[in-house]
PDB file of N, CA and C in Angstrom:
ATOM      1  N   UNK A   1       0.846  -1.183   0.000  1.00  0.00           N
ATOM      2  CA  UNK A   1       0.000   0.000   0.000  1.00  0.00           C
ATOM      3  C   UNK A   1       0.888   1.241   0.000  1.00  0.00           C
ATOM      4  N   UNK A   2       0.816   2.007  -1.074  1.00  0.00           N
ATOM      5  CA  UNK A   2       1.654   3.197  -1.197  1.00  0.00           C
ATOM      6  C   UNK A   2       1.202   4.298  -0.247  1.00  0.00           C
ATOM      7  N   UNK A   3      -0.063   4.305   0.175  1.00  0.00           N
ATOM      8  CA  UNK A   3      -0.559   5.376   1.033  1.00  0.00           C
ATOM      9  C   UNK A   3       0.094   5.323   2.414  1.00  0.00           C
ATOM     10  N   UNK A   4       0.503   4.143   2.848  1.00  0.00           N
ATOM     11  CA  UNK A   4       1.127   4.017   4.165  1.00  0.00           C
ATOM     12  C   UNK A   4       2.530   4.589   4.192  1.00  0.00           C
ATOM     13  N   UNK A   5       3.147   4.807   3.019  1.00  0.00           N
ATOM     14  CA  UNK A   5       4.481   5.389   2.953  1.00  0.00           C
ATOM     15  C   UNK A   5       4.454   6.915   3.067  1.00  0.00           C
ATOM     16  N   UNK A   6       3.279   7.512   2.950  1.00  0.00           N
ATOM     17  CA  UNK A   6       3.157   8.972   2.943  1.00  0.00           C
ATOM     18  C   UNK A   6       3.295   9.517   4.364  1.00  0.00           C
ATOM     19  N   UNK A   7       4.166  10.513   4.512  1.00  0.00           N
ATOM     20  CA  UNK A   7       4.346  11.195   5.796  1.00  0.00           C
ATOM     21  C   UNK A   7       3.310  12.311   5.904  1.00  0.00           C
ATOM     22  N   UNK A   8       2.698  12.455   7.058  1.00  0.00           N
ATOM     23  CA  UNK A   8       1.649  13.447   7.321  1.00  0.00           C
ATOM     24  C   UNK A   8       0.508  13.367   6.301  1.00  0.00           C
ATOM     25  N   UNK A   9      -0.179  12.229   6.220  1.00  0.00           N
ATOM     26  CA  UNK A   9      -1.265  12.127   5.242  1.00  0.00           C
ATOM     27  C   UNK A   9      -2.410  13.095   5.524  1.00  0.00           C
ATOM     28  N   UNK A  10      -2.571  13.492   6.790  1.00  0.00           N
ATOM     29  CA  UNK A  10      -3.647  14.431   7.121  1.00  0.00           C
ATOM     30  C   UNK A  10      -3.428  15.793   6.464  1.00  0.00           C
ATOM     31  N   UNK A  11      -2.164  16.193   6.289  1.00  0.00           N
ATOM     32  CA  UNK A  11      -1.883  17.451   5.603  1.00  0.00           C
ATOM     33  C   UNK A  11      -2.394  17.397   4.168  1.00  0.00           C
ATOM     34  N   UNK A  12      -2.153  16.287   3.493  1.00  0.00           N
ATOM     35  CA  UNK A  12      -2.586  16.145   2.109  1.00  0.00           C
ATOM     36  C   UNK A  12      -4.106  16.060   2.000  1.00  0.00           C
ATOM     37  N   UNK A  13      -4.716  15.361   2.928  1.00  0.00           N
ATOM     38  CA  UNK A  13      -6.185  15.253   2.916  1.00  0.00           C
ATOM     39  C   UNK A  13      -6.802  16.629   3.147  1.00  0.00           C
ATOM     40  N   UNK A  14      -6.280  17.371   4.123  1.00  0.00           N
ATOM     41  CA  UNK A  14      -6.804  18.708   4.394  1.00  0.00           C
ATOM     42  C   UNK A  14      -6.593  19.636   3.203  1.00  0.00           C
ATOM     43  N   UNK A  15      -5.437  19.533   2.553  1.00  0.00           N
ATOM     44  CA  UNK A  15      -5.154  20.375   1.387  1.00  0.00           C
ATOM     45  C   UNK A  15      -6.127  20.062   0.247  1.00  0.00           C
ATOM     46  N   UNK A  16      -6.392  18.785   0.017  1.00  0.00           N
ATOM     47  CA  UNK A  16      -7.321  18.400  -1.050  1.00  0.00           C
ATOM     48  C   UNK A  16      -8.750  18.841  -0.731  1.00  0.00           C
ATOM     49  N   UNK A  17      -9.160  18.647   0.502  1.00  0.00           N
ATOM     50  CA  UNK A  17     -10.515  19.059   0.901  1.00  0.00           C
ATOM     51  C   UNK A  17     -10.648  20.577   0.804  1.00  0.00           C
ATOM     52  N   UNK A  18      -9.626  21.293   1.191  1.00  0.00           N
ATOM     53  CA  UNK A  18      -9.655  22.760   1.107  1.00  0.00           C
ATOM     54  C   UNK A  18      -9.765  23.226  -0.345  1.00  0.00           C
ATOM     55  N   UNK A  19      -9.059  22.573  -1.247  1.00  0.00           N
ATOM     56  CA  UNK A  19      -9.144  22.925  -2.667  1.00  0.00           C
ATOM     57  C   UNK A  19     -10.542  22.640  -3.215  1.00  0.00           C
ATOM     58  N   UNK A  20     -11.102  21.497  -2.847  1.00  0.00           N
ATOM     59  CA  UNK A  20     -12.457  21.171  -3.304  1.00  0.00           C
ATOM     60  C   UNK A  20     -13.492  22.116  -2.700  1.00  0.00           C
ATOM     61  N   UNK A  21     -13.296  22.493  -1.454  1.00  0.00           N
ATOM     62  CA  UNK A  21     -14.200  23.450  -0.811  1.00  0.00           C
ATOM     63  C   UNK A  21     -14.123  24.818  -1.486  1.00  0.00           C
ATOM     64  N   UNK A  22     -12.944  25.202  -1.902  1.00  0.00           N
ATOM     65  CA  UNK A  22     -12.776  26.463  -2.622  1.00  0.00           C
ATOM     66  C   UNK A  22     -13.534  26.433  -3.944  1.00  0.00           C
ATOM     67  N   UNK A  23     -13.456  25.310  -4.653  1.00  0.00           N
ATOM     68  CA  UNK A  23     -14.188  25.177  -5.911  1.00  0.00           C
ATOM     69  C   UNK A  23     -15.701  25.255  -5.671  1.00  0.00           C
ATOM     70  N   UNK A  24     -16.172  24.641  -4.612  1.00  0.00           N
ATOM     71  CA  UNK A  24     -17.604  24.703  -4.287  1.00  0.00           C
ATOM     72  C   UNK A  24     -18.017  26.130  -3.947  1.00  0.00           C
ATOM     73  N   UNK A  25     -17.182  26.843  -3.206  1.00  0.00           N
ATOM     74  CA  UNK A  25     -17.481  28.239  -2.868  1.00  0.00           C
ATOM     75  C   UNK A  25     -17.575  29.086  -4.133  1.00  0.00           C
ATOM     76  N   UNK A  26     -16.688  28.847  -5.075  1.00  0.00           N
ATOM     77  CA  UNK A  26     -16.728  29.597  -6.340  1.00  0.00           C
ATOM     78  C   UNK A  26     -18.035  29.328  -7.063  1.00  0.00           C
ATOM     79  N   UNK A  27     -18.438  28.074  -7.128  1.00  0.00           N
ATOM     80  CA  UNK A  27     -19.669  27.728  -7.840  1.00  0.00           C
ATOM     81  C   UNK A  27     -20.908  28.275  -7.127  1.00  0.00           C
ATOM     82  N   UNK A  28     -20.880  28.317  -5.803  1.00  0.00           N
ATOM     83  CA  UNK A  28     -22.021  28.846  -5.056  1.00  0.00           C
ATOM     84  C   UNK A  28     -22.138  30.359  -5.231  1.00  0.00           C
ATOM     85  N   UNK A  29     -21.013  31.057  -5.211  1.00  0.00           N
ATOM     86  CA  UNK A  29     -21.041  32.524  -5.284  1.00  0.00           C
ATOM     87  C   UNK A  29     -20.990  33.064  -6.707  1.00  0.00           C
ATOM     88  N   UNK A  30     -21.014  32.192  -7.703  1.00  0.00           N
ATOM     89  CA  UNK A  30     -20.922  32.637  -9.093  1.00  0.00           C
ATOM     90  C   UNK A  30     -22.028  33.620  -9.460  1.00  0.00           C
ATOM     91  N   UNK A  31     -23.205  33.438  -8.919  1.00  0.00           N
ATOM     92  CA  UNK A  31     -24.316  34.336  -9.255  1.00  0.00           C
ATOM     93  C   UNK A  31     -24.139  35.725  -8.639  1.00  0.00           C
ATOM     94  N   UNK A  32     -23.290  35.854  -7.629  1.00  0.00           N
ATOM     95  CA  UNK A  32     -23.044  37.143  -6.993  1.00  0.00           C
ATOM     96  C   UNK A  32     -21.828  37.862  -7.566  1.00  0.00           C
ATOM     97  N   UNK A  33     -21.174  37.254  -8.530  1.00  0.00           N
ATOM     98  CA  UNK A  33     -19.952  37.823  -9.100  1.00  0.00           C
ATOM     99  C   UNK A  33     -20.227  38.430 -10.470  1.00  0.00           C
ATOM    100  N   UNK A  34     -19.459  39.429 -10.862  1.00  0.00           N
ATOM    101  CA  UNK A  34     -19.610  39.995 -12.204  1.00  0.00           C
ATOM    102  C   UNK A  34     -19.119  38.988 -13.254  1.00  0.00           C
ATOM    103  N   UNK A  35     -19.412  39.240 -14.531  1.00  0.00           N
ATOM    104  CA  UNK A  35     -19.001  38.289 -15.573  1.00  0.00           C
ATOM    105  C   UNK A  35     -17.486  38.159 -15.717  1.00  0.00           C
ATOM    106  N   UNK A  36     -16.738  39.203 -15.350  1.00  0.00           N
ATOM    107  CA  UNK A  36     -15.272  39.127 -15.366  1.00  0.00           C
ATOM    108  C   UNK A  36     -14.748  39.563 -14.000  1.00  0.00           C
ATOM    109  N   UNK A  37     -13.676  38.902 -13.571  1.00  0.00           N
ATOM    110  CA  UNK A  37     -13.076  39.196 -12.264  1.00  0.00           C
ATOM    111  C   UNK A  37     -11.578  39.441 -12.448  1.00  0.00           C
ATOM    112  N   UNK A  38     -10.977  40.226 -11.561  1.00  0.00           N
ATOM    113  CA  UNK A  38      -9.520  40.440 -11.657  1.00  0.00           C
ATOM    114  C   UNK A  38      -8.781  39.203 -11.138  1.00  0.00           C
ATOM    115  N   UNK A  39      -8.085  38.539 -12.033  1.00  0.00           N
ATOM    116  CA  UNK A  39      -7.391  37.308 -11.665  1.00  0.00           C
ATOM    117  C   UNK A  39      -5.893  37.388 -11.925  1.00  0.00           C
ATOM    118  N   UNK A  40      -5.518  38.047 -12.995  1.00  0.00           N
ATOM    119  CA  UNK A  40      -4.115  38.104 -13.399  1.00  0.00           C
ATOM    120  C   UNK A  40      -3.494  39.417 -12.916  1.00  0.00           C
ATOM    121  N   UNK A  41      -3.121  39.462 -11.640  1.00  0.00           N
ATOM    122  CA  UNK A  41      -2.589  40.685 -11.052  1.00  0.00           C
ATOM    123  C   UNK A  41      -1.190  41.019 -11.546  1.00  0.00           C
ATOM    124  N   UNK A  42      -0.494  40.085 -12.161  1.00  0.00           N
ATOM    125  CA  UNK A  42       0.845  40.342 -12.663  1.00  0.00           C
ATOM    126  C   UNK A  42       0.859  41.099 -13.975  1.00  0.00           C
ATOM    127  N   UNK A  43      -0.282  41.181 -14.631  1.00  0.00           N
ATOM    128  CA  UNK A  43      -0.367  41.893 -15.909  1.00  0.00           C
ATOM    129  C   UNK A  43      -0.623  43.374 -15.670  1.00  0.00           C
ATOM    130  N   UNK A  44      -0.436  44.203 -16.705  1.00  0.00           N
ATOM    131  CA  UNK A  44      -0.672  45.643 -16.545  1.00  0.00           C
ATOM    132  C   UNK A  44      -2.125  45.935 -16.159  1.00  0.00           C
ATOM    133  N   UNK A  45      -2.316  47.040 -15.478  1.00  0.00           N
ATOM    134  CA  UNK A  45      -3.644  47.435 -15.025  1.00  0.00           C
ATOM    135  C   UNK A  45      -4.569  47.624 -16.216  1.00  0.00           C
ATOM    136  N   UNK A  46      -5.775  47.129 -16.077  1.00  0.00           N
ATOM    137  CA  UNK A  46      -6.767  47.273 -17.142  1.00  0.00           C
ATOM    138  C   UNK A  46      -7.418  45.935 -17.462  1.00  0.00           C
ATOM    139  N   UNK A  47      -7.862  45.816 -18.690  1.00  0.00           N
ATOM    140  CA  UNK A  47      -8.593  44.616 -19.081  1.00  0.00           C
ATOM    141  C   UNK A  47      -7.702  43.378 -19.173  1.00  0.00           C
ATOM    142  N   UNK A  48      -6.392  43.556 -19.195  1.00  0.00           N
ATOM    143  CA  UNK A  48      -5.491  42.391 -19.218  1.00  0.00           C
ATOM    144  C   UNK A  48      -5.576  41.583 -17.933  1.00  0.00           C
ATOM    145  N   UNK A  49      -5.969  42.218 -16.841  1.00  0.00           N
ATOM    146  CA  UNK A  49      -6.075  41.521 -15.562  1.00  0.00           C
ATOM    147  C   UNK A  49      -7.368  40.730 -15.431  1.00  0.00           C
ATOM    148  N   UNK A  50      -8.331  40.987 -16.269  1.00  0.00           N
ATOM    149  CA  UNK A  50      -9.653  40.392 -16.112  1.00  0.00           C
ATOM    150  C   UNK A  50      -9.751  39.029 -16.788  1.00  0.00           C
ATOM    151  N   UNK A  51     -10.558  38.174 -16.184  1.00  0.00           N
ATOM    152  CA  UNK A  51     -10.820  36.845 -16.730  1.00  0.00           C
ATOM    153  C   UNK A  51     -12.279  36.499 -16.439  1.00  0.00           C
ATOM    154  N   UNK A  52     -12.881  35.621 -17.228  1.00  0.00           N
ATOM    155  CA  UNK A  52     -14.254  35.194 -16.910  1.00  0.00           C
ATOM    156  C   UNK A  52     -14.332  34.590 -15.508  1.00  0.00           C
ATOM    157  N   UNK A  53     -15.496  34.667 -14.924  1.00  0.00           N
ATOM    158  CA  UNK A  53     -15.684  34.234 -13.540  1.00  0.00           C
ATOM    159  C   UNK A  53     -15.288  32.778 -13.329  1.00  0.00           C
ATOM    160  N   UNK A  54     -15.607  31.920 -14.259  1.00  0.00           N
ATOM    161  CA  UNK A  54     -15.293  30.503 -14.084  1.00  0.00           C
ATOM    162  C   UNK A  54     -13.794  30.214 -14.132  1.00  0.00           C
ATOM    163  N   UNK A  55     -12.988  31.171 -14.569  1.00  0.00           N
ATOM    164  CA  UNK A  55     -11.537  30.987 -14.538  1.00  0.00           C
ATOM    165  C   UNK A  55     -11.020  30.942 -13.100  1.00  0.00           C
ATOM    166  N   UNK A  56     -11.833  31.373 -12.144  1.00  0.00           N
ATOM    167  CA  UNK A  56     -11.443  31.245 -10.741  1.00  0.00           C
ATOM    168  C   UNK A  56     -11.270  29.782 -10.357  1.00  0.00           C
ATOM    169  N   UNK A  57     -11.922  28.883 -11.076  1.00  0.00           N
ATOM    170  CA  UNK A  57     -11.790  27.451 -10.791  1.00  0.00           C
ATOM    171  C   UNK A  57     -10.400  26.918 -11.131  1.00  0.00           C
ATOM    172  N   UNK A  58      -9.643  27.678 -11.908  1.00  0.00           N
ATOM    173  CA  UNK A  58      -8.281  27.263 -12.244  1.00  0.00           C
ATOM    174  C   UNK A  58      -7.402  27.253 -10.992  1.00  0.00           C
ATOM    175  N   UNK A  59      -7.636  28.176 -10.089  1.00  0.00           N
ATOM    176  CA  UNK A  59      -6.800  28.292  -8.889  1.00  0.00           C
ATOM    177  C   UNK A  59      -6.917  27.039  -8.008  1.00  0.00           C
ATOM    178  N   UNK A  60      -8.131  26.592  -7.618  1.00  0.00           N
ATOM    179  CA  UNK A  60      -8.179  25.360  -6.823  1.00  0.00           C
ATOM    180  C   UNK A  60      -7.776  24.119  -7.630  1.00  0.00           C
ATOM    181  N   UNK A  61      -7.970  24.152  -8.946  1.00  0.00           N
ATOM    182  CA  UNK A  61      -7.550  23.006  -9.764  1.00  0.00           C
ATOM    183  C   UNK A  61      -6.028  22.858  -9.754  1.00  0.00           C
ATOM    184  N   UNK A  62      -5.326  23.964  -9.878  1.00  0.00           N
ATOM    185  CA  UNK A  62      -3.859  23.913  -9.818  1.00  0.00           C
ATOM    186  C   UNK A  62      -3.404  23.489  -8.425  1.00  0.00           C
ATOM    187  N   UNK A  63      -4.062  23.990  -7.402  1.00  0.00           N
ATOM    188  CA  UNK A  63      -3.718  23.609  -6.034  1.00  0.00           C
ATOM    189  C   UNK A  63      -3.936  22.118  -5.808  1.00  0.00           C
ATOM    190  N   UNK A  64      -5.018  21.590  -6.335  1.00  0.00           N
ATOM    191  CA  UNK A  64      -5.295  20.161  -6.212  1.00  0.00           C
ATOM    192  C   UNK A  64      -4.290  19.332  -6.997  1.00  0.00           C
ATOM    193  N   UNK A  65      -3.895  19.811  -8.162  1.00  0.00           N
ATOM    194  CA  UNK A  65      -2.892  19.102  -8.959  1.00  0.00           C
ATOM    195  C   UNK A  65      -1.539  19.086  -8.244  1.00  0.00           C
ATOM    196  N   UNK A  66      -1.169  20.203  -7.650  1.00  0.00           N
ATOM    197  CA  UNK A  66       0.091  20.264  -6.893  1.00  0.00           C
ATOM    198  C   UNK A  66       0.039  19.305  -5.709  1.00  0.00           C
ATOM    199  N   UNK A  67      -1.103  19.237  -5.048  1.00  0.00           N
ATOM    200  CA  UNK A  67      -1.253  18.309  -3.927  1.00  0.00           C
ATOM    201  C   UNK A  67      -1.106  16.861  -4.388  1.00  0.00           C
ATOM    202  N   UNK A  68      -1.710  16.528  -5.520  1.00  0.00           N
ATOM    203  CA  UNK A  68      -1.613  15.160  -6.038  1.00  0.00           C
ATOM    204  C   UNK A  68      -0.172  14.805  -6.403  1.00  0.00           C
ATOM    205  N   UNK A  69       0.522  15.720  -7.049  1.00  0.00           N
ATOM    206  CA  UNK A  69       1.925  15.472  -7.408  1.00  0.00           C
ATOM    207  C   UNK A  69       2.771  15.338  -6.143  1.00  0.00           C
ATOM    208  N   UNK A  70       2.497  16.174  -5.147  1.00  0.00           N
ATOM    209  CA  UNK A  70       3.262  16.107  -3.906  1.00  0.00           C
ATOM    210  C   UNK A  70       3.037  14.802  -3.148  1.00  0.00           C
ATOM    211  N   UNK A  71       1.838  14.247  -3.238  1.00  0.00           N
ATOM    212  CA  UNK A  71       1.575  12.957  -2.591  1.00  0.00           C
ATOM    213  C   UNK A  71       2.457  11.877  -3.204  1.00  0.00           C
ATOM    214  N   UNK A  72       2.535  11.850  -4.524  1.00  0.00           N
ATOM    215  CA  UNK A  72       3.358  10.836  -5.179  1.00  0.00           C
ATOM    216  C   UNK A  72       4.852  11.060  -4.928  1.00  0.00           C
ATOM    217  N   UNK A  73       5.278  12.301  -4.887  1.00  0.00           N
ATOM    218  CA  UNK A  73       6.684  12.584  -4.563  1.00  0.00           C
ATOM    219  C   UNK A  73       6.971  12.167  -3.120  1.00  0.00           C
ATOM    220  N   UNK A  74       6.034  12.467  -2.227  1.00  0.00           N
ATOM    221  CA  UNK A  74       6.208  12.131  -0.822  1.00  0.00           C
ATOM    222  C   UNK A  74       6.288  10.620  -0.622  1.00  0.00           C
ATOM    223  N   UNK A  75       5.486   9.866  -1.349  1.00  0.00           N
ATOM    224  CA  UNK A  75       5.496   8.414  -1.167  1.00  0.00           C
ATOM    225  C   UNK A  75       6.755   7.766  -1.720  1.00  0.00           C
ATOM    226  N   UNK A  76       7.419   8.426  -2.647  1.00  0.00           N
ATOM    227  CA  UNK A  76       8.625   7.834  -3.223  1.00  0.00           C
ATOM    228  C   UNK A  76       9.922   8.416  -2.661  1.00  0.00           C
ATOM    229  N   UNK A  77       9.844   9.493  -1.893  1.00  0.00           N
ATOM    230  CA  UNK A  77      11.047  10.110  -1.335  1.00  0.00           C
ATOM    231  C   UNK A  77      11.593   9.261  -0.189  1.00  0.00           C
ATOM    232  N   UNK A  78      12.883   9.368   0.013  1.00  0.00           N
ATOM    233  CA  UNK A  78      13.544   8.582   1.061  1.00  0.00           C
ATOM    234  C   UNK A  78      13.830   9.419   2.318  1.00  0.00           C
ATOM    235  N   UNK A  79      14.115  10.692   2.144  1.00  0.00           N
ATOM    236  CA  UNK A  79      14.507  11.549   3.253  1.00  0.00           C
ATOM    237  C   UNK A  79      13.276  12.059   4.003  1.00  0.00           C
ATOM    238  N   UNK A  80      13.291  11.965   5.330  1.00  0.00           N
ATOM    239  CA  UNK A  80      12.151  12.417   6.136  1.00  0.00           C
ATOM    240  C   UNK A  80      11.938  13.918   6.061  1.00  0.00           C
ATOM    241  N   UNK A  81      13.030  14.688   5.997  1.00  0.00           N
ATOM    242  CA  UNK A  81      12.888  16.142   5.904  1.00  0.00           C
ATOM    243  C   UNK A  81      12.166  16.536   4.624  1.00  0.00           C
ATOM    244  N   UNK A  82      12.535  15.894   3.515  1.00  0.00           N
ATOM    245  CA  UNK A  82      11.877  16.187   2.233  1.00  0.00           C
ATOM    246  C   UNK A  82      10.393  15.849   2.316  1.00  0.00           C
ATOM    247  N   UNK A  83      10.070  14.726   2.933  1.00  0.00           N
ATOM    248  CA  UNK A  83       8.662  14.323   3.057  1.00  0.00           C
ATOM    249  C   UNK A  83       7.860  15.338   3.874  1.00  0.00           C
ATOM    250  N   UNK A  84       8.448  15.781   4.971  1.00  0.00           N
ATOM    251  CA  UNK A  84       7.756  16.759   5.819  1.00  0.00           C
ATOM    252  C   UNK A  84       7.625  18.103   5.117  1.00  0.00           C
ATOM    253  N   UNK A  85       8.671  18.502   4.414  1.00  0.00           N
ATOM    254  CA  UNK A  85       8.641  19.769   3.684  1.00  0.00           C
ATOM    255  C   UNK A  85       7.589  19.742   2.581  1.00  0.00           C
ATOM    256  N   UNK A  86       7.490  18.651   1.855  1.00  0.00           N
ATOM    257  CA  UNK A  86       6.509  18.532   0.776  1.00  0.00           C
ATOM    258  C   UNK A  86       5.094  18.546   1.333  1.00  0.00           C
ATOM    259  N   UNK A  87       4.873  17.866   2.452  1.00  0.00           N
ATOM    260  CA  UNK A  87       3.541  17.859   3.066  1.00  0.00           C
ATOM    261  C   UNK A  87       3.143  19.256   3.517  1.00  0.00           C
ATOM    262  N   UNK A  88       4.062  19.962   4.161  1.00  0.00           N
ATOM    263  CA  UNK A  88       3.757  21.314   4.631  1.00  0.00           C
ATOM    264  C   UNK A  88       3.559  22.275   3.470  1.00  0.00           C
ATOM    265  N   UNK A  89       4.368  22.138   2.427  1.00  0.00           N
ATOM    266  CA  UNK A  89       4.222  23.048   1.282  1.00  0.00           C
ATOM    267  C   UNK A  89       2.904  22.828   0.561  1.00  0.00           C
ATOM    268  N   UNK A  90       2.454  21.600   0.501  1.00  0.00           N
ATOM    269  CA  UNK A  90       1.167  21.328  -0.130  1.00  0.00           C
ATOM    270  C   UNK A  90       0.032  22.000   0.635  1.00  0.00           C
ATOM    271  N   UNK A  91       0.089  21.920   1.947  1.00  0.00           N
ATOM    272  CA  UNK A  91      -0.933  22.565   2.773  1.00  0.00           C
ATOM    273  C   UNK A  91      -0.864  24.082   2.645  1.00  0.00           C
ATOM    274  N   UNK A  92       0.318  24.638   2.647  1.00  0.00           N
ATOM    275  CA  UNK A  92       0.485  26.091   2.533  1.00  0.00           C
ATOM    276  C   UNK A  92      -0.024  26.590   1.182  1.00  0.00           C
ATOM    277  N   UNK A  93       0.253  25.858   0.116  1.00  0.00           N
ATOM    278  CA  UNK A  93      -0.222  26.253  -1.218  1.00  0.00           C
ATOM    279  C   UNK A  93      -1.739  26.252  -1.265  1.00  0.00           C
ATOM    280  N   UNK A  94      -2.365  25.248  -0.682  1.00  0.00           N
ATOM    281  CA  UNK A  94      -3.832  25.195  -0.683  1.00  0.00           C
ATOM    282  C   UNK A  94      -4.437  26.334   0.127  1.00  0.00           C
ATOM    283  N   UNK A  95      -3.832  26.644   1.255  1.00  0.00           N
ATOM    284  CA  UNK A  95      -4.342  27.752   2.076  1.00  0.00           C
ATOM    285  C   UNK A  95      -4.189  29.078   1.333  1.00  0.00           C
ATOM    286  N   UNK A  96      -3.036  29.281   0.706  1.00  0.00           N
ATOM    287  CA  UNK A  96      -2.816  30.530  -0.031  1.00  0.00           C
ATOM    288  C   UNK A  96      -3.772  30.655  -1.219  1.00  0.00           C
ATOM    289  N   UNK A  97      -4.038  29.564  -1.902  1.00  0.00           N
ATOM    290  CA  UNK A  97      -4.978  29.590  -3.026  1.00  0.00           C
ATOM    291  C   UNK A  97      -6.385  29.927  -2.536  1.00  0.00           C
ATOM    292  N   UNK A  98      -6.773  29.346  -1.426  1.00  0.00           N
ATOM    293  CA  UNK A  98      -8.100  29.625  -0.872  1.00  0.00           C
ATOM    294  C   UNK A  98      -8.223  31.082  -0.444  1.00  0.00           C
ATOM    295  N   UNK A  99      -7.210  31.599   0.215  1.00  0.00           N
ATOM    296  CA  UNK A  99      -7.233  32.996   0.651  1.00  0.00           C
ATOM    297  C   UNK A  99      -7.313  33.919  -0.564  1.00  0.00           C
ATOM    298  N   UNK A 100      -6.573  33.599  -1.611  1.00  0.00           N
ATOM    299  CA  UNK A 100      -6.597  34.431  -2.818  1.00  0.00           C
ATOM    300  C   UNK A 100      -7.991  34.463  -3.440  1.00  0.00           C
ATOM    301  N   UNK A 101      -8.604  33.313  -3.578  1.00  0.00           N
ATOM    302  CA  UNK A 101      -9.936  33.252  -4.187  1.00  0.00           C
ATOM    303  C   UNK A 101     -10.965  33.954  -3.314  1.00  0.00           C
ATOM    304  N   UNK A 102     -10.909  33.752  -2.015  1.00  0.00           N
ATOM    305  CA  UNK A 102     -11.869  34.406  -1.115  1.00  0.00           C
ATOM    306  C   UNK A 102     -11.695  35.926  -1.157  1.00  0.00           C
ATOM    307  N   UNK A 103     -10.459  36.400  -1.209  1.00  0.00           N
ATOM    308  CA  UNK A 103     -10.239  37.846  -1.296  1.00  0.00           C
ATOM    309  C   UNK A 103     -10.786  38.419  -2.598  1.00  0.00           C
ATOM    310  N   UNK A 104     -10.622  37.705  -3.712  1.00  0.00           N
ATOM    311  CA  UNK A 104     -11.169  38.177  -4.981  1.00  0.00           C
ATOM    312  C   UNK A 104     -12.687  38.197  -4.925  1.00  0.00           C
ATOM    313  N   UNK A 105     -13.280  37.156  -4.354  1.00  0.00           N
ATOM    314  CA  UNK A 105     -14.745  37.096  -4.245  1.00  0.00           C
ATOM    315  C   UNK A 105     -15.264  38.233  -3.374  1.00  0.00           C
ATOM    316  N   UNK A 106     -14.609  38.485  -2.251  1.00  0.00           N
ATOM    317  CA  UNK A 106     -15.053  39.581  -1.371  1.00  0.00           C
ATOM    318  C   UNK A 106     -14.802  40.948  -1.985  1.00  0.00           C
ATOM    319  N   UNK A 107     -13.797  41.056  -2.860  1.00  0.00           N
ATOM    320  CA  UNK A 107     -13.474  42.322  -3.500  1.00  0.00           C
ATOM    321  C   UNK A 107     -14.515  42.716  -4.539  1.00  0.00           C
ATOM    322  N   UNK A 108     -14.943  41.781  -5.344  1.00  0.00           N
ATOM    323  CA  UNK A 108     -15.828  42.128  -6.464  1.00  0.00           C
ATOM    324  C   UNK A 108     -17.240  41.591  -6.337  1.00  0.00           C
ATOM    325  N   UNK A 109     -17.533  40.813  -5.288  1.00  0.00           N
ATOM    326  CA  UNK A 109     -18.856  40.228  -5.152  1.00  0.00           C
ATOM    327  C   UNK A 109     -19.919  41.235  -4.787  1.00  0.00           C
ATOM    328  N   UNK A 110     -21.147  40.970  -5.210  1.00  0.00           N
ATOM    329  CA  UNK A 110     -22.292  41.816  -4.887  1.00  0.00           C
ATOM    330  C   UNK A 110     -23.117  41.106  -3.826  1.00  0.00           C
ATOM    331  N   UNK A 111     -22.768  41.337  -2.570  1.00  0.00           N
ATOM    332  CA  UNK A 111     -23.476  40.660  -1.470  1.00  0.00           C
ATOM    333  C   UNK A 111     -24.382  41.624  -0.748  1.00  0.00           C
TER     334      UNK A 111
END
């Protein structure tokens, strides 16, 4: 069983659940959001920063993909420090993605 080799499996489970919860929040609040939202903050100010509302789902999808890749890396790694670092980084990435999406929703949402 490869799952038994994973260090801190609860971190990965929490990260995955948090990413899925973020996607559900996006789908629930979609009716309260404008048709375009500011998503690409690295681009110049203006319409280059805007993306359709459903593009917000890309953020939890990437977070979930990173978590999945980290689980497989964690199960095959030999060093305990690397395993712990990967587990913590996966959780931190999911939390940061959730905070980013919630801040965008609160910034432009019509509640």
